[in-house]
Protein backbone atom coordinates (compact mmCIF):
# COMPACT_ATOMS: atom_id res chain seq x y z
CA MET A 1 114.37 -76.63 -37.61
CA SER A 2 116.46 -74.45 -35.38
CA LYS A 3 115.52 -70.89 -34.19
CA ARG A 4 118.43 -69.32 -36.68
CA GLN A 5 116.77 -71.03 -39.33
CA ALA A 6 113.23 -70.07 -38.39
CA ASP A 7 114.35 -66.43 -38.19
CA HIS A 8 114.90 -66.64 -41.73
CA PHE A 9 110.99 -66.37 -42.02
CA GLY A 10 110.72 -62.99 -39.94
CA GLY A 11 108.32 -64.84 -37.50
CA ASN A 12 105.70 -65.65 -40.38
CA ALA A 13 106.16 -68.91 -41.92
CA GLY A 14 102.92 -69.10 -43.77
CA LYS A 15 102.04 -72.55 -45.11
CA PHE A 16 105.42 -73.77 -44.28
CA GLY A 17 104.80 -74.51 -40.63
CA ASP A 18 104.25 -72.77 -37.25
CA ILE A 19 106.60 -70.45 -34.91
CA ASP A 20 106.62 -71.97 -31.58
CA PRO A 21 105.75 -69.01 -29.29
CA GLN A 22 107.86 -70.17 -26.62
CA SER A 23 110.99 -71.42 -28.24
CA GLY A 24 110.86 -69.28 -31.40
CA ILE A 25 111.60 -72.58 -33.37
CA LEU A 26 109.84 -73.42 -36.62
CA VAL A 27 107.77 -76.48 -36.72
CA PRO A 28 107.22 -77.41 -40.13
CA ALA A 29 103.87 -78.34 -41.67
CA ILE A 30 105.15 -81.57 -42.65
CA GLU A 31 107.77 -83.68 -40.75
CA THR A 32 109.36 -87.15 -41.67
CA ALA A 33 112.57 -88.92 -41.29
CA SER A 34 112.46 -89.78 -44.91
CA VAL A 35 114.50 -87.48 -47.52
CA ALA A 36 112.77 -89.58 -50.20
CA VAL A 37 109.35 -88.58 -48.95
CA ILE A 38 110.39 -84.90 -48.69
CA ASN A 39 111.94 -84.92 -52.22
CA GLN A 40 108.63 -86.49 -53.75
CA ILE A 41 106.53 -83.72 -51.96
CA VAL A 42 108.74 -80.90 -53.31
CA ILE A 43 108.81 -82.44 -57.04
CA ASP A 44 104.88 -83.05 -56.79
CA THR A 45 103.84 -79.90 -55.14
CA ASP A 46 104.68 -75.94 -54.85
CA ALA A 47 106.54 -76.95 -51.67
CA ILE A 48 110.15 -76.19 -50.66
CA GLY A 49 112.25 -78.09 -48.45
CA LEU A 50 115.85 -77.81 -46.61
CA ALA A 51 118.17 -80.52 -47.06
CA PRO A 52 121.89 -80.78 -47.32
CA GLU A 53 122.74 -80.29 -51.00
CA PRO A 54 124.72 -83.73 -51.55
CA LEU A 55 121.55 -85.53 -50.68
CA LEU A 56 119.80 -83.46 -53.58
CA GLU A 57 122.68 -83.63 -56.21
CA ASN A 58 121.36 -86.25 -58.66
CA MET A 59 117.68 -84.57 -58.48
CA ILE A 60 119.15 -81.11 -59.32
CA ALA A 61 121.33 -82.52 -62.11
CA GLN A 62 118.21 -84.14 -63.52
CA GLY A 63 116.08 -80.91 -63.47
CA LYS A 64 113.82 -82.52 -61.05
CA ILE A 65 114.23 -79.63 -58.57
CA VAL A 66 116.00 -76.36 -58.41
CA ALA A 67 118.29 -75.43 -55.56
CA LEU A 68 117.75 -72.00 -53.91
CA GLY A 69 121.29 -71.15 -52.76
CA ARG A 70 122.80 -68.31 -50.45
CA ILE A 71 122.16 -66.02 -52.84
CA HIS A 72 118.30 -66.57 -52.84
CA THR A 73 118.27 -66.96 -49.21
CA PRO A 74 121.12 -64.95 -47.56
CA SER A 75 119.77 -64.80 -43.99
CA LEU A 76 119.87 -68.71 -44.03
CA THR A 77 123.35 -69.44 -42.43
CA VAL A 78 125.22 -72.15 -40.65
CA SER A 79 128.08 -71.78 -38.22
CA VAL A 80 130.47 -74.60 -38.10
CA GLY A 81 133.01 -75.43 -35.50
CA PHE A 82 135.61 -78.28 -34.80
CA VAL A 83 136.41 -79.54 -31.52
CA TYR A 84 139.69 -82.06 -30.87
CA LEU A 85 141.90 -82.94 -28.32
CA ARG A 86 144.79 -80.57 -28.06
CA ASP A 87 147.38 -83.31 -27.21
CA ARG A 88 146.44 -85.66 -29.95
CA PRO A 89 147.49 -85.29 -33.36
CA LEU A 90 144.51 -85.10 -36.02
CA ALA A 91 144.91 -87.65 -39.06
CA SER A 92 145.29 -86.54 -42.20
CA VAL A 93 141.76 -87.26 -43.64
CA ILE A 94 140.51 -84.91 -40.70
CA LYS A 95 142.87 -82.14 -41.72
CA THR A 96 141.53 -82.34 -45.07
CA PHE A 97 138.06 -82.49 -44.14
CA ILE A 98 138.52 -79.19 -42.00
CA LYS A 99 140.36 -77.56 -44.97
CA THR A 100 137.48 -78.61 -47.27
CA VAL A 101 134.66 -77.31 -45.05
CA CYS A 102 136.66 -73.79 -44.52
CA ALA A 103 137.26 -73.63 -48.30
CA VAL A 104 133.24 -74.05 -48.81
CA GLU A 105 132.48 -71.45 -46.20
CA ASP A 106 134.93 -69.12 -47.50
CA GLU A 107 133.21 -69.55 -51.03
CA ASN A 108 129.62 -69.13 -49.66
CA TYR A 109 130.53 -65.92 -47.82
CA ALA A 110 132.15 -64.40 -50.95
CA VAL A 111 128.98 -65.07 -53.07
CA LEU A 112 127.08 -63.30 -50.22
CA GLU A 113 129.44 -60.27 -50.36
CA GLY A 114 129.09 -60.29 -54.12
CA THR A 115 132.81 -60.83 -54.63
CA GLN A 116 131.97 -64.16 -56.66
CA VAL A 117 129.04 -65.38 -58.67
């Protein structure tokens, strides 16, 4: 977990894991490369997990888990940037992707600022 994500815990991650004293990065108590394993742990215990929402949509829709969104974790943020060659035209699908990401970020910030719920 990145330092920015670890900062959300204010230096005390409790049972979630340990903060590395040199880097400030949170090392989760449970690490696995399998999203399915983490999902099962969250379902079967009182644990929380971090994952991209698209990976969890079905489980949220089925009521197996509850998403804690930005309104619950306002200091947990992500910065996004795009890098591409100046003299090379972007494919229309890439332009659409960039517009979509920017729209989602605008929506997320509106929620944080209380202008949209």
